[in-house]
Amino acid sequence: MNTFLYAFIVVFVVLAIMFAGAVHNFGTEWLNPLVSVVFAIAIFFLGYKGLFQKSIFSNSDVSEISEPISVKTLKPINIDIVLSDNLQNYMDTYKPHHDSELTTLS
């Protein structure tokens, strides 16, 4: 992030000089190629730094994230059989999931 900030400051300063020269007629025709070179260097420099940047999540353990959850590691859930049967009967009878006006709660 610091690299991007420094490159932005350099480009901004060069552009400010160019605009000031254009407004006050300092004769800054030589500055146009310089602005192009500064922009090109800044873009290549930021691209180079981006390619060799460390991973953002280098402190986290990737093995924890990438391991799939096995059925054995899941904790059993206590299910209320009566409530589950009532819900199943309601869904089978009234089919509320077919309602086109059904939306999520916000």
N, C-alpha and C. Protein backbone atom coordinates (compact mmCIF):
# COMPACT_ATOMS: atom_id res chain seq x y z
N MET A 1 0.82 -1.19 0.00
CA MET A 1 0.00 0.00 0.00
C MET A 1 0.88 1.26 0.00
N ASN A 2 1.99 1.18 0.72
CA ASN A 2 2.89 2.34 0.71
C ASN A 2 3.46 2.60 -0.67
N THR A 3 3.77 1.55 -1.39
CA THR A 3 4.31 1.69 -2.74
C THR A 3 3.31 2.39 -3.65
N PHE A 4 2.06 1.97 -3.56
CA PHE A 4 1.02 2.61 -4.37
C PHE A 4 0.89 4.08 -3.99
N LEU A 5 0.95 4.38 -2.71
CA LEU A 5 0.83 5.77 -2.26
C LEU A 5 1.97 6.62 -2.80
N TYR A 6 3.19 6.11 -2.73
CA TYR A 6 4.34 6.87 -3.23
C TYR A 6 4.25 7.08 -4.74
N ALA A 7 3.86 6.05 -5.47
CA ALA A 7 3.73 6.19 -6.93
C ALA A 7 2.63 7.21 -7.26
N PHE A 8 1.55 7.18 -6.52
CA PHE A 8 0.46 8.13 -6.76
C PHE A 8 0.92 9.55 -6.49
N ILE A 9 1.70 9.75 -5.43
CA ILE A 9 2.19 11.09 -5.09
C ILE A 9 3.11 11.62 -6.20
N VAL A 10 3.99 10.77 -6.70
CA VAL A 10 4.90 11.19 -7.78
C VAL A 10 4.11 11.57 -9.02
N VAL A 11 3.16 10.76 -9.40
CA VAL A 11 2.34 11.05 -10.59
C VAL A 11 1.54 12.33 -10.35
N PHE A 12 0.99 12.50 -9.17
CA PHE A 12 0.19 13.69 -8.88
C PHE A 12 1.04 14.95 -8.93
N VAL A 13 2.26 14.91 -8.40
CA VAL A 13 3.14 16.08 -8.43
C VAL A 13 3.49 16.45 -9.86
N VAL A 14 3.82 15.46 -10.68
CA VAL A 14 4.16 15.74 -12.08
C VAL A 14 2.95 16.32 -12.81
N LEU A 15 1.76 15.77 -12.56
CA LEU A 15 0.56 16.32 -13.19
C LEU A 15 0.27 17.74 -12.71
N ALA A 16 0.48 18.02 -11.43
CA ALA A 16 0.25 19.36 -10.91
C ALA A 16 1.18 20.37 -11.57
N ILE A 17 2.43 19.98 -11.76
CA ILE A 17 3.38 20.86 -12.44
C ILE A 17 2.95 21.09 -13.88
N MET A 18 2.49 20.03 -14.54
CA MET A 18 2.05 20.16 -15.92
C MET A 18 0.83 21.08 -16.03
N PHE A 19 -0.13 20.91 -15.13
CA PHE A 19 -1.33 21.75 -15.18
C PHE A 19 -1.01 23.21 -14.84
N ALA A 20 -0.13 23.41 -13.87
CA ALA A 20 0.27 24.78 -13.54
C ALA A 20 0.97 25.43 -14.72
N GLY A 21 1.80 24.68 -15.41
CA GLY A 21 2.48 25.21 -16.60
C GLY A 21 1.51 25.52 -17.72
N ALA A 22 0.47 24.70 -17.86
CA ALA A 22 -0.51 24.94 -18.93
C ALA A 22 -1.36 26.16 -18.61
N VAL A 23 -1.68 26.36 -17.34
CA VAL A 23 -2.52 27.50 -16.96
C VAL A 23 -1.73 28.81 -17.07
N HIS A 24 -0.48 28.81 -16.66
CA HIS A 24 0.31 30.04 -16.63
C HIS A 24 1.25 30.19 -17.82
N ASN A 25 1.11 29.33 -18.81
CA ASN A 25 1.90 29.39 -20.04
C ASN A 25 3.41 29.46 -19.78
N PHE A 26 3.93 28.50 -19.04
CA PHE A 26 5.35 28.43 -18.75
C PHE A 26 6.16 27.83 -19.89
N GLY A 27 5.50 27.35 -20.89
CA GLY A 27 6.22 26.68 -21.97
C GLY A 27 6.64 25.28 -21.54
N THR A 28 5.65 24.48 -21.20
CA THR A 28 5.93 23.14 -20.67
C THR A 28 5.69 22.05 -21.71
N GLU A 29 6.02 22.32 -22.95
CA GLU A 29 5.84 21.30 -23.99
C GLU A 29 6.74 20.10 -23.73
N TRP A 30 7.89 20.32 -23.12
CA TRP A 30 8.82 19.25 -22.82
C TRP A 30 8.29 18.33 -21.71
N LEU A 31 7.28 18.82 -20.97
CA LEU A 31 6.76 18.06 -19.85
C LEU A 31 5.81 16.93 -20.29
N ASN A 32 5.22 17.04 -21.46
CA ASN A 32 4.29 16.01 -21.93
C ASN A 32 4.95 14.63 -22.06
N PRO A 33 6.12 14.51 -22.70
CA PRO A 33 6.77 13.20 -22.72
C PRO A 33 7.18 12.72 -21.33
N LEU A 34 7.57 13.66 -20.46
CA LEU A 34 7.95 13.30 -19.10
C LEU A 34 6.76 12.70 -18.34
N VAL A 35 5.59 13.28 -18.52
CA VAL A 35 4.38 12.76 -17.86
C VAL A 35 4.10 11.34 -18.35
N SER A 36 4.24 11.12 -19.63
CA SER A 36 4.01 9.78 -20.18
C SER A 36 5.00 8.78 -19.61
N VAL A 37 6.25 9.17 -19.50
CA VAL A 37 7.27 8.27 -18.95
C VAL A 37 7.00 7.99 -17.48
N VAL A 38 6.63 9.02 -16.72
CA VAL A 38 6.35 8.83 -15.30
C VAL A 38 5.16 7.90 -15.11
N PHE A 39 4.10 8.10 -15.90
CA PHE A 39 2.95 7.20 -15.84
C PHE A 39 3.35 5.76 -16.17
N ALA A 40 4.12 5.57 -17.22
CA ALA A 40 4.53 4.23 -17.61
C ALA A 40 5.38 3.57 -16.53
N ILE A 41 6.31 4.31 -15.97
CA ILE A 41 7.16 3.76 -14.92
C ILE A 41 6.32 3.41 -13.69
N ALA A 42 5.38 4.28 -13.33
CA ALA A 42 4.54 4.01 -12.16
C ALA A 42 3.70 2.76 -12.37
N ILE A 43 3.13 2.60 -13.55
CA ILE A 43 2.30 1.42 -13.83
C ILE A 43 3.14 0.15 -13.81
N PHE A 44 4.29 0.17 -14.46
CA PHE A 44 5.15 -1.02 -14.45
C PHE A 44 5.68 -1.33 -13.05
N PHE A 45 6.03 -0.29 -12.29
CA PHE A 45 6.54 -0.49 -10.95
C PHE A 45 5.48 -1.10 -10.05
N LEU A 46 4.25 -0.57 -10.12
CA LEU A 46 3.17 -1.12 -9.30
C LEU A 46 2.84 -2.56 -9.72
N GLY A 47 2.88 -2.83 -11.00
CA GLY A 47 2.64 -4.20 -11.47
C GLY A 47 3.72 -5.15 -10.99
N TYR A 48 4.96 -4.71 -11.06
CA TYR A 48 6.08 -5.54 -10.60
C TYR A 48 5.96 -5.82 -9.11
N LYS A 49 5.67 -4.80 -8.32
CA LYS A 49 5.52 -4.98 -6.88
C LYS A 49 4.32 -5.87 -6.57
N GLY A 50 3.28 -5.77 -7.36
CA GLY A 50 2.10 -6.60 -7.13
C GLY A 50 2.35 -8.07 -7.41
N LEU A 51 3.16 -8.35 -8.40
CA LEU A 51 3.47 -9.74 -8.74
C LEU A 51 4.26 -10.44 -7.64
N PHE A 52 5.14 -9.71 -6.99
CA PHE A 52 5.99 -10.32 -5.99
C PHE A 52 5.58 -9.99 -4.55
N GLN A 53 4.35 -9.54 -4.40
CA GLN A 53 3.84 -9.23 -3.07
C GLN A 53 3.51 -10.52 -2.32
N LYS A 54 3.73 -10.51 -1.01
CA LYS A 54 3.36 -11.65 -0.20
C LYS A 54 1.85 -11.79 -0.19
N SER A 55 1.41 -12.97 0.14
CA SER A 55 -0.01 -13.20 0.23
C SER A 55 -0.61 -12.33 1.31
N ILE A 56 -1.82 -11.86 1.09
CA ILE A 56 -2.49 -11.00 2.06
C ILE A 56 -2.75 -11.76 3.35
N PHE A 57 -3.10 -13.02 3.22
CA PHE A 57 -3.44 -13.83 4.37
C PHE A 57 -2.28 -14.73 4.77
N SER A 58 -1.07 -14.19 4.78
CA SER A 58 0.10 -15.02 5.06
C SER A 58 0.14 -15.48 6.51
N ASN A 59 -0.53 -14.78 7.42
CA ASN A 59 -0.52 -15.17 8.82
C ASN A 59 -1.52 -16.27 9.15
N SER A 60 -2.49 -16.49 8.29
CA SER A 60 -3.51 -17.51 8.58
C SER A 60 -3.01 -18.87 8.12
N ASP A 61 -3.52 -19.91 8.75
CA ASP A 61 -3.14 -21.27 8.41
C ASP A 61 -4.04 -21.75 7.29
N VAL A 62 -3.48 -21.93 6.10
CA VAL A 62 -4.26 -22.32 4.93
C VAL A 62 -4.81 -23.73 5.09
N SER A 63 -4.10 -24.58 5.79
CA SER A 63 -4.56 -25.96 5.93
C SER A 63 -5.88 -26.04 6.68
N GLU A 64 -6.11 -25.11 7.60
CA GLU A 64 -7.38 -25.10 8.31
C GLU A 64 -8.52 -24.73 7.38
N ILE A 65 -8.27 -23.83 6.47
CA ILE A 65 -9.31 -23.35 5.58
C ILE A 65 -9.62 -24.37 4.50
N SER A 66 -8.61 -25.03 3.96
CA SER A 66 -8.80 -25.89 2.80
C SER A 66 -9.26 -27.30 3.14
N GLU A 67 -9.21 -27.69 4.41
CA GLU A 67 -9.63 -29.04 4.76
C GLU A 67 -11.15 -29.16 4.70
N PRO A 68 -11.65 -30.17 4.01
CA PRO A 68 -13.10 -30.35 3.98
C PRO A 68 -13.62 -30.84 5.34
N ILE A 69 -14.83 -30.49 5.64
CA ILE A 69 -15.44 -30.92 6.89
C ILE A 69 -15.97 -32.34 6.70
N SER A 70 -15.54 -33.23 7.54
CA SER A 70 -16.02 -34.60 7.44
C SER A 70 -17.27 -34.77 8.29
N VAL A 71 -18.02 -35.78 7.99
CA VAL A 71 -19.26 -36.06 8.72
C VAL A 71 -18.95 -36.42 10.16
N LYS A 72 -17.81 -37.02 10.40
CA LYS A 72 -17.44 -37.43 11.75
C LYS A 72 -17.19 -36.24 12.66
N THR A 73 -16.74 -35.10 12.10
CA THR A 73 -16.43 -33.94 12.93
C THR A 73 -17.66 -33.12 13.27
N LEU A 74 -18.77 -33.35 12.58
CA LEU A 74 -19.99 -32.61 12.88
C LEU A 74 -20.61 -33.09 14.18
N LYS A 75 -21.08 -32.15 14.96
CA LYS A 75 -21.72 -32.51 16.22
C LYS A 75 -23.17 -32.90 15.94
N PRO A 76 -23.67 -33.90 16.66
CA PRO A 76 -25.07 -34.28 16.46
C PRO A 76 -26.01 -33.17 16.96
N ILE A 77 -27.11 -33.01 16.27
CA ILE A 77 -28.09 -31.98 16.60
C ILE A 77 -29.31 -32.67 17.19
N ASN A 78 -29.76 -32.14 18.31
CA ASN A 78 -30.98 -32.67 18.91
C ASN A 78 -32.17 -32.10 18.16
N ILE A 79 -32.94 -32.96 17.52
CA ILE A 79 -34.07 -32.54 16.71
C ILE A 79 -35.36 -32.88 17.45
N ASP A 80 -36.24 -31.88 17.52
CA ASP A 80 -37.54 -32.11 18.11
C ASP A 80 -38.41 -32.79 17.04
N ILE A 81 -38.71 -34.05 17.24
CA ILE A 81 -39.43 -34.85 16.24
C ILE A 81 -40.81 -34.28 15.97
N VAL A 82 -41.52 -33.87 17.01
CA VAL A 82 -42.87 -33.34 16.84
C VAL A 82 -42.83 -32.05 16.03
N LEU A 83 -41.90 -31.17 16.36
CA LEU A 83 -41.77 -29.91 15.62
C LEU A 83 -41.39 -30.18 14.17
N SER A 84 -40.49 -31.12 13.95
CA SER A 84 -40.08 -31.47 12.60
C SER A 84 -41.25 -32.03 11.79
N ASP A 85 -42.06 -32.88 12.40
CA ASP A 85 -43.24 -33.43 11.71
C ASP A 85 -44.25 -32.35 11.40
N ASN A 86 -44.47 -31.43 12.34
CA ASN A 86 -45.41 -30.32 12.10
C ASN A 86 -44.94 -29.44 10.95
N LEU A 87 -43.65 -29.15 10.92
CA LEU A 87 -43.10 -28.35 9.83
C LEU A 87 -43.23 -29.07 8.50
N GLN A 88 -42.95 -30.35 8.48
CA GLN A 88 -43.06 -31.12 7.23
C GLN A 88 -44.50 -31.15 6.74
N ASN A 89 -45.45 -31.36 7.65
CA ASN A 89 -46.87 -31.36 7.26
C ASN A 89 -47.30 -30.00 6.72
N TYR A 90 -46.87 -28.94 7.37
CA TYR A 90 -47.22 -27.60 6.91
C TYR A 90 -46.66 -27.35 5.51
N MET A 91 -45.40 -27.72 5.29
CA MET A 91 -44.78 -27.52 3.98
C MET A 91 -45.47 -28.34 2.90
N ASP A 92 -45.87 -29.58 3.24
CA ASP A 92 -46.56 -30.43 2.26
C ASP A 92 -47.96 -29.92 1.96
N THR A 93 -48.64 -29.41 2.98
CA THR A 93 -50.04 -28.99 2.82
C THR A 93 -50.15 -27.63 2.12
N TYR A 94 -49.47 -26.62 2.64
CA TYR A 94 -49.65 -25.24 2.16
C TYR A 94 -48.63 -24.81 1.10
N LYS A 95 -47.53 -25.50 0.98
CA LYS A 95 -46.48 -25.22 -0.01
C LYS A 95 -46.12 -23.72 -0.05
N PRO A 96 -45.70 -23.18 1.09
CA PRO A 96 -45.37 -21.74 1.10
C PRO A 96 -44.15 -21.41 0.25
N HIS A 97 -43.31 -22.37 -0.04
CA HIS A 97 -42.12 -22.11 -0.85
C HIS A 97 -42.47 -21.86 -2.32
N HIS A 98 -43.72 -22.10 -2.71
CA HIS A 98 -44.15 -21.83 -4.07
C HIS A 98 -44.68 -20.41 -4.23
N ASP A 99 -44.79 -19.66 -3.15
CA ASP A 99 -45.32 -18.31 -3.17
C ASP A 99 -44.33 -17.38 -3.88
N SER A 100 -44.79 -16.75 -4.96
CA SER A 100 -43.91 -15.86 -5.74
C SER A 100 -43.63 -14.56 -4.99
N GLU A 101 -44.42 -14.20 -4.02
CA GLU A 101 -44.22 -12.98 -3.25
C GLU A 101 -43.29 -13.20 -2.06
N LEU A 102 -42.81 -14.40 -1.87
CA LEU A 102 -41.95 -14.73 -0.74
C LEU A 102 -40.59 -14.07 -0.93
N THR A 103 -40.15 -13.33 0.10
CA THR A 103 -38.86 -12.67 0.05
C THR A 103 -38.11 -12.98 1.32
N THR A 104 -36.83 -12.60 1.32
CA THR A 104 -36.02 -12.81 2.53
C THR A 104 -36.26 -11.66 3.49
N LEU A 105 -35.99 -11.91 4.74
CA LEU A 105 -36.10 -10.85 5.73
C LEU A 105 -34.87 -9.96 5.65
N SER A 106 -35.08 -8.68 5.73
CA SER A 106 -33.94 -7.75 5.67
C SER A 106 -33.78 -7.04 6.97
